[in-house]
């Protein structure tokens, strides 16, 4: 097991735990450490093209915590145009963003739909 702690008001608080699993030397390790009820997301389709080739999603991340939140979200579809500085993880894009304390971040993604 791996445990992650953060310090808040001088106290160490457990953020989350995750199983490590068996990994080879040099293999990438990802942990789903935890979720916070104070950091939420919502998504809505805001536009569809007439030909059914694309649709646009608007994703809103909110942070009700008194400090910034580092968020990593997997976007599980083809994005057009492809984000140049983003990482691919399998067939998903990895969106990493800092959501300021008591604030929100809004991002739109244009999804390329599979044809035929």
N, C-alpha and C. Protein backbone atom coordinates (compact mmCIF):
# COMPACT_ATOMS: atom_id res chain seq x y z
N UNK A 1 0.84 -1.19 0.00
CA UNK A 1 0.00 0.00 0.00
C UNK A 1 0.88 1.25 0.00
N UNK A 2 0.37 2.28 -0.64
CA UNK A 2 1.00 3.59 -0.60
C UNK A 2 0.01 4.54 0.06
N UNK A 3 0.50 5.41 0.90
CA UNK A 3 -0.36 6.38 1.57
C UNK A 3 0.16 7.78 1.26
N UNK A 4 -0.77 8.70 1.01
CA UNK A 4 -0.40 10.08 0.71
C UNK A 4 -1.02 10.97 1.78
N UNK A 5 -0.19 11.87 2.32
CA UNK A 5 -0.62 12.80 3.34
C UNK A 5 -0.42 14.22 2.84
N UNK A 6 -1.21 15.14 3.35
CA UNK A 6 -0.96 16.55 3.11
C UNK A 6 -1.06 17.27 4.44
N UNK A 7 -0.39 18.41 4.52
CA UNK A 7 -0.39 19.18 5.76
C UNK A 7 -1.37 20.33 5.64
N UNK A 8 -2.26 20.43 6.61
CA UNK A 8 -3.26 21.49 6.65
C UNK A 8 -3.30 22.05 8.06
N UNK A 9 -3.07 23.32 8.17
CA UNK A 9 -3.05 24.00 9.47
C UNK A 9 -2.09 23.31 10.44
N UNK A 10 -0.94 22.87 9.90
CA UNK A 10 0.08 22.26 10.73
C UNK A 10 -0.16 20.81 11.10
N UNK A 11 -1.23 20.22 10.59
CA UNK A 11 -1.55 18.82 10.91
C UNK A 11 -1.44 17.97 9.66
N UNK A 12 -0.89 16.78 9.81
CA UNK A 12 -0.81 15.84 8.69
C UNK A 12 -2.15 15.11 8.58
N UNK A 13 -2.73 15.18 7.37
CA UNK A 13 -4.00 14.51 7.13
C UNK A 13 -3.82 13.48 6.02
N UNK A 14 -4.42 12.31 6.21
CA UNK A 14 -4.38 11.27 5.19
C UNK A 14 -5.28 11.68 4.03
N UNK A 15 -4.71 11.73 2.83
CA UNK A 15 -5.47 12.05 1.63
C UNK A 15 -6.08 10.79 1.06
N UNK A 16 -5.29 9.72 1.04
CA UNK A 16 -5.81 8.47 0.50
C UNK A 16 -4.75 7.40 0.48
N UNK A 17 -5.20 6.18 0.20
CA UNK A 17 -4.32 5.03 0.10
C UNK A 17 -4.63 4.29 -1.19
N UNK A 18 -3.62 3.63 -1.71
CA UNK A 18 -3.82 2.83 -2.93
C UNK A 18 -2.89 1.63 -2.89
N UNK A 19 -3.35 0.53 -3.46
CA UNK A 19 -2.52 -0.65 -3.57
C UNK A 19 -1.45 -0.42 -4.63
N UNK A 20 -0.26 -0.89 -4.38
CA UNK A 20 0.85 -0.69 -5.32
C UNK A 20 0.80 -1.74 -6.43
N UNK A 21 0.59 -2.97 -6.10
CA UNK A 21 0.60 -4.02 -7.11
C UNK A 21 2.02 -4.37 -7.52
N UNK A 22 2.15 -5.41 -8.31
CA UNK A 22 3.45 -5.88 -8.76
C UNK A 22 3.85 -5.13 -10.03
N UNK A 23 4.98 -4.44 -9.99
CA UNK A 23 5.44 -3.64 -11.12
C UNK A 23 6.87 -4.00 -11.47
N UNK A 24 7.20 -3.90 -12.75
CA UNK A 24 8.57 -4.11 -13.21
C UNK A 24 9.38 -2.84 -13.00
N UNK A 25 10.68 -2.97 -12.92
CA UNK A 25 11.55 -1.81 -12.79
C UNK A 25 11.35 -0.91 -14.00
N UNK A 26 11.14 0.38 -13.76
CA UNK A 26 10.95 1.35 -14.83
C UNK A 26 9.53 1.44 -15.35
N UNK A 27 8.63 0.59 -14.88
CA UNK A 27 7.24 0.62 -15.33
C UNK A 27 6.50 1.79 -14.67
N UNK A 28 5.63 2.43 -15.44
CA UNK A 28 4.84 3.55 -14.93
C UNK A 28 3.90 3.05 -13.83
N UNK A 29 3.77 3.86 -12.78
CA UNK A 29 2.89 3.53 -11.67
C UNK A 29 1.90 4.68 -11.50
N UNK A 30 0.61 4.36 -11.58
CA UNK A 30 -0.44 5.34 -11.35
C UNK A 30 -1.24 4.91 -10.13
N UNK A 31 -1.61 5.89 -9.31
CA UNK A 31 -2.40 5.61 -8.11
C UNK A 31 -3.67 6.43 -8.15
N UNK A 32 -4.79 5.79 -7.90
CA UNK A 32 -6.03 6.52 -7.64
C UNK A 32 -6.08 6.72 -6.14
N UNK A 33 -5.58 7.88 -5.70
CA UNK A 33 -5.41 8.12 -4.27
C UNK A 33 -6.71 8.46 -3.58
N UNK A 34 -7.48 9.31 -4.16
CA UNK A 34 -8.71 9.66 -3.47
C UNK A 34 -9.47 10.74 -4.17
N UNK A 35 -10.66 10.93 -3.71
CA UNK A 35 -11.52 11.96 -4.23
C UNK A 35 -11.96 12.83 -3.06
N UNK A 36 -12.23 14.07 -3.35
CA UNK A 36 -12.68 14.98 -2.32
C UNK A 36 -14.10 15.43 -2.65
N UNK A 37 -15.01 15.38 -1.70
CA UNK A 37 -16.35 15.91 -1.97
C UNK A 37 -16.34 17.41 -2.21
N UNK A 38 -15.22 18.07 -1.88
CA UNK A 38 -15.11 19.51 -2.09
C UNK A 38 -14.61 19.85 -3.49
N UNK A 39 -14.13 18.85 -4.23
CA UNK A 39 -13.68 19.06 -5.61
C UNK A 39 -14.59 18.24 -6.50
N UNK A 40 -15.37 18.92 -7.33
CA UNK A 40 -16.40 18.26 -8.13
C UNK A 40 -16.24 18.63 -9.60
N UNK A 41 -16.88 17.84 -10.46
CA UNK A 41 -16.90 18.18 -11.87
C UNK A 41 -18.30 17.99 -12.42
N UNK A 42 -18.58 18.73 -13.48
CA UNK A 42 -19.83 18.58 -14.21
C UNK A 42 -19.51 18.72 -15.69
N UNK A 43 -20.27 18.03 -16.52
CA UNK A 43 -20.03 18.13 -17.96
C UNK A 43 -21.36 18.18 -18.70
N UNK A 44 -21.35 18.89 -19.82
CA UNK A 44 -22.54 19.02 -20.64
C UNK A 44 -22.12 19.16 -22.10
N UNK A 45 -22.90 18.57 -23.00
CA UNK A 45 -22.66 18.75 -24.42
C UNK A 45 -23.28 20.09 -24.80
N UNK A 46 -22.47 20.98 -25.37
CA UNK A 46 -22.95 22.33 -25.69
C UNK A 46 -23.25 22.52 -27.17
N UNK A 47 -22.72 21.60 -28.01
CA UNK A 47 -22.90 21.79 -29.45
C UNK A 47 -22.69 20.46 -30.16
N UNK A 48 -23.47 20.25 -31.23
CA UNK A 48 -23.28 19.11 -32.14
C UNK A 48 -23.34 19.63 -33.56
N UNK A 49 -22.42 19.15 -34.41
CA UNK A 49 -22.48 19.60 -35.79
C UNK A 49 -23.57 18.83 -36.53
N UNK A 50 -24.05 19.40 -37.61
CA UNK A 50 -25.18 18.84 -38.36
C UNK A 50 -24.85 17.48 -38.98
N UNK A 51 -23.60 17.24 -39.30
CA UNK A 51 -23.21 15.98 -39.93
C UNK A 51 -22.97 14.85 -38.93
N UNK A 52 -22.99 15.17 -37.65
CA UNK A 52 -22.76 14.15 -36.63
C UNK A 52 -21.31 13.72 -36.51
N UNK A 53 -20.39 14.59 -36.94
CA UNK A 53 -18.97 14.26 -36.89
C UNK A 53 -18.29 14.74 -35.60
N UNK A 54 -18.86 15.79 -35.00
CA UNK A 54 -18.26 16.39 -33.81
C UNK A 54 -19.33 16.78 -32.81
N UNK A 55 -18.92 16.81 -31.54
CA UNK A 55 -19.73 17.45 -30.51
C UNK A 55 -18.77 18.11 -29.52
N UNK A 56 -19.25 19.17 -28.93
CA UNK A 56 -18.41 19.94 -28.01
C UNK A 56 -18.92 19.75 -26.58
N UNK A 57 -18.00 19.40 -25.70
CA UNK A 57 -18.28 19.23 -24.28
C UNK A 57 -17.75 20.43 -23.51
N UNK A 58 -18.47 20.85 -22.50
CA UNK A 58 -17.97 21.85 -21.56
C UNK A 58 -17.85 21.16 -20.20
N UNK A 59 -16.65 21.17 -19.66
CA UNK A 59 -16.39 20.55 -18.37
C UNK A 59 -16.08 21.65 -17.36
N UNK A 60 -16.75 21.59 -16.22
CA UNK A 60 -16.53 22.56 -15.14
C UNK A 60 -16.02 21.82 -13.91
N UNK A 61 -14.86 22.25 -13.42
CA UNK A 61 -14.30 21.73 -12.17
C UNK A 61 -14.46 22.80 -11.11
N UNK A 62 -14.98 22.43 -9.95
CA UNK A 62 -15.13 23.37 -8.84
C UNK A 62 -14.33 22.88 -7.64
N UNK A 63 -13.82 23.83 -6.89
CA UNK A 63 -13.01 23.53 -5.71
C UNK A 63 -13.50 24.36 -4.54
N UNK A 64 -14.14 23.71 -3.59
CA UNK A 64 -14.65 24.39 -2.40
C UNK A 64 -13.65 24.36 -1.25
N UNK A 65 -12.46 23.84 -1.51
CA UNK A 65 -11.44 23.79 -0.46
C UNK A 65 -10.76 25.15 -0.30
N UNK A 66 -10.15 25.41 0.85
CA UNK A 66 -9.48 26.70 1.07
C UNK A 66 -8.07 26.76 0.47
N UNK A 67 -7.70 25.77 -0.33
CA UNK A 67 -6.40 25.76 -1.00
C UNK A 67 -6.57 25.14 -2.38
N UNK A 68 -5.62 25.41 -3.26
CA UNK A 68 -5.70 24.93 -4.64
C UNK A 68 -5.78 23.40 -4.69
N UNK A 69 -6.42 22.89 -5.72
CA UNK A 69 -6.51 21.45 -5.95
C UNK A 69 -5.85 21.10 -7.28
N UNK A 70 -4.97 20.13 -7.27
CA UNK A 70 -4.37 19.60 -8.49
C UNK A 70 -5.28 18.47 -8.96
N UNK A 71 -5.83 18.62 -10.15
CA UNK A 71 -6.79 17.65 -10.67
C UNK A 71 -6.23 17.01 -11.92
N UNK A 72 -6.40 15.71 -12.01
CA UNK A 72 -6.06 14.96 -13.22
C UNK A 72 -7.32 14.23 -13.66
N UNK A 73 -7.76 14.52 -14.89
CA UNK A 73 -8.98 13.92 -15.40
C UNK A 73 -8.68 13.23 -16.72
N UNK A 74 -9.18 12.02 -16.87
CA UNK A 74 -9.04 11.31 -18.14
C UNK A 74 -10.19 11.68 -19.05
N UNK A 75 -9.86 12.08 -20.27
CA UNK A 75 -10.86 12.42 -21.28
C UNK A 75 -10.85 11.23 -22.26
N UNK A 76 -11.90 10.38 -22.20
CA UNK A 76 -11.85 9.10 -22.90
C UNK A 76 -12.34 9.12 -24.34
N UNK A 77 -12.01 10.17 -25.08
CA UNK A 77 -12.43 10.22 -26.48
C UNK A 77 -11.42 11.00 -27.31
N UNK A 78 -11.56 10.90 -28.62
CA UNK A 78 -10.68 11.62 -29.54
C UNK A 78 -11.01 13.10 -29.49
N UNK A 79 -10.00 13.93 -29.23
CA UNK A 79 -10.17 15.38 -29.16
C UNK A 79 -9.63 15.99 -30.45
N UNK A 80 -10.38 16.93 -31.01
CA UNK A 80 -9.97 17.60 -32.24
C UNK A 80 -10.07 19.11 -32.04
N UNK A 81 -8.96 19.84 -32.12
CA UNK A 81 -7.63 19.37 -32.43
C UNK A 81 -6.99 18.67 -31.21
N UNK A 82 -6.03 17.80 -31.48
CA UNK A 82 -5.35 17.09 -30.40
C UNK A 82 -4.53 18.08 -29.57
N UNK A 83 -4.63 17.99 -28.25
CA UNK A 83 -3.86 18.90 -27.39
C UNK A 83 -2.37 18.57 -27.46
N UNK A 84 -1.56 19.53 -27.83
CA UNK A 84 -0.12 19.30 -28.06
C UNK A 84 0.64 18.91 -26.80
N UNK A 85 0.32 19.52 -25.66
CA UNK A 85 1.12 19.30 -24.45
C UNK A 85 0.53 18.25 -23.51
N UNK A 86 -0.51 17.56 -23.95
CA UNK A 86 -1.14 16.58 -23.07
C UNK A 86 -0.56 15.19 -23.29
N UNK A 87 -0.70 14.38 -22.28
CA UNK A 87 -0.24 13.00 -22.32
C UNK A 87 -1.38 12.08 -22.75
N UNK A 88 -1.02 11.01 -23.44
CA UNK A 88 -1.99 9.97 -23.77
C UNK A 88 -1.83 8.84 -22.76
N UNK A 89 -2.93 8.27 -22.32
CA UNK A 89 -2.91 7.10 -21.45
C UNK A 89 -3.92 6.12 -22.03
N UNK A 90 -3.41 5.13 -22.74
CA UNK A 90 -4.30 4.23 -23.46
C UNK A 90 -5.00 5.01 -24.55
N UNK A 91 -6.32 4.92 -24.60
CA UNK A 91 -7.08 5.67 -25.61
C UNK A 91 -7.60 6.99 -25.06
N UNK A 92 -7.18 7.38 -23.86
CA UNK A 92 -7.65 8.61 -23.23
C UNK A 92 -6.58 9.69 -23.24
N UNK A 93 -7.03 10.93 -23.13
CA UNK A 93 -6.15 12.08 -22.92
C UNK A 93 -6.14 12.40 -21.43
N UNK A 94 -5.00 12.85 -20.93
CA UNK A 94 -4.88 13.22 -19.52
C UNK A 94 -4.88 14.74 -19.43
N UNK A 95 -5.94 15.28 -18.80
CA UNK A 95 -6.05 16.72 -18.57
C UNK A 95 -5.62 17.00 -17.14
N UNK A 96 -4.53 17.74 -16.99
CA UNK A 96 -4.05 18.13 -15.66
C UNK A 96 -4.27 19.63 -15.50
N UNK A 97 -4.88 19.98 -14.38
CA UNK A 97 -5.20 21.39 -14.17
C UNK A 97 -5.18 21.71 -12.68
N UNK A 98 -4.78 22.92 -12.37
CA UNK A 98 -4.86 23.41 -10.98
C UNK A 98 -6.14 24.22 -10.87
N UNK A 99 -6.99 23.85 -9.91
CA UNK A 99 -8.23 24.58 -9.66
C UNK A 99 -8.00 25.43 -8.42
N UNK A 100 -8.05 26.75 -8.57
CA UNK A 100 -7.77 27.62 -7.42
C UNK A 100 -8.75 27.39 -6.26
N UNK A 101 -8.30 27.75 -5.07
CA UNK A 101 -9.13 27.63 -3.87
C UNK A 101 -10.43 28.40 -4.06
N UNK A 102 -11.53 27.77 -3.67
CA UNK A 102 -12.86 28.40 -3.72
C UNK A 102 -13.17 29.01 -5.09
N UNK A 103 -12.84 28.27 -6.14
CA UNK A 103 -13.00 28.79 -7.49
C UNK A 103 -13.37 27.64 -8.42
N UNK A 104 -13.36 27.92 -9.72
CA UNK A 104 -13.68 26.90 -10.70
C UNK A 104 -12.85 27.11 -11.96
N UNK A 105 -12.80 26.07 -12.78
CA UNK A 105 -12.13 26.09 -14.07
C UNK A 105 -13.11 25.50 -15.08
N UNK A 106 -13.25 26.16 -16.22
CA UNK A 106 -14.14 25.67 -17.28
C UNK A 106 -13.29 25.43 -18.53
N UNK A 107 -13.47 24.27 -19.15
CA UNK A 107 -12.72 23.92 -20.35
C UNK A 107 -13.68 23.25 -21.34
N UNK A 108 -13.53 23.57 -22.62
CA UNK A 108 -14.32 22.92 -23.66
C UNK A 108 -13.43 21.98 -24.45
N UNK A 109 -14.01 20.85 -24.85
CA UNK A 109 -13.34 19.85 -25.65
C UNK A 109 -14.22 19.52 -26.84
N UNK A 110 -13.62 19.50 -28.01
CA UNK A 110 -14.34 19.12 -29.23
C UNK A 110 -14.06 17.64 -29.48
N UNK A 111 -15.09 16.82 -29.35
CA UNK A 111 -14.97 15.39 -29.53
C UNK A 111 -15.21 15.01 -30.98
N UNK A 112 -14.27 14.26 -31.54
CA UNK A 112 -14.45 13.74 -32.89
C UNK A 112 -15.18 12.40 -32.75
N UNK A 113 -16.38 12.33 -33.33
CA UNK A 113 -17.18 11.11 -33.23
C UNK A 113 -16.74 10.12 -34.28
N UNK A 114 -16.87 8.86 -33.97
CA UNK A 114 -16.52 7.82 -34.93
C UNK A 114 -17.53 7.82 -36.05
N UNK A 115 -17.04 7.77 -37.27
CA UNK A 115 -17.95 7.78 -38.42
C UNK A 115 -18.25 6.34 -38.83
N UNK A 116 -19.46 6.19 -39.38
CA UNK A 116 -19.92 5.02 -40.02
C UNK A 116 -20.01 3.79 -39.31
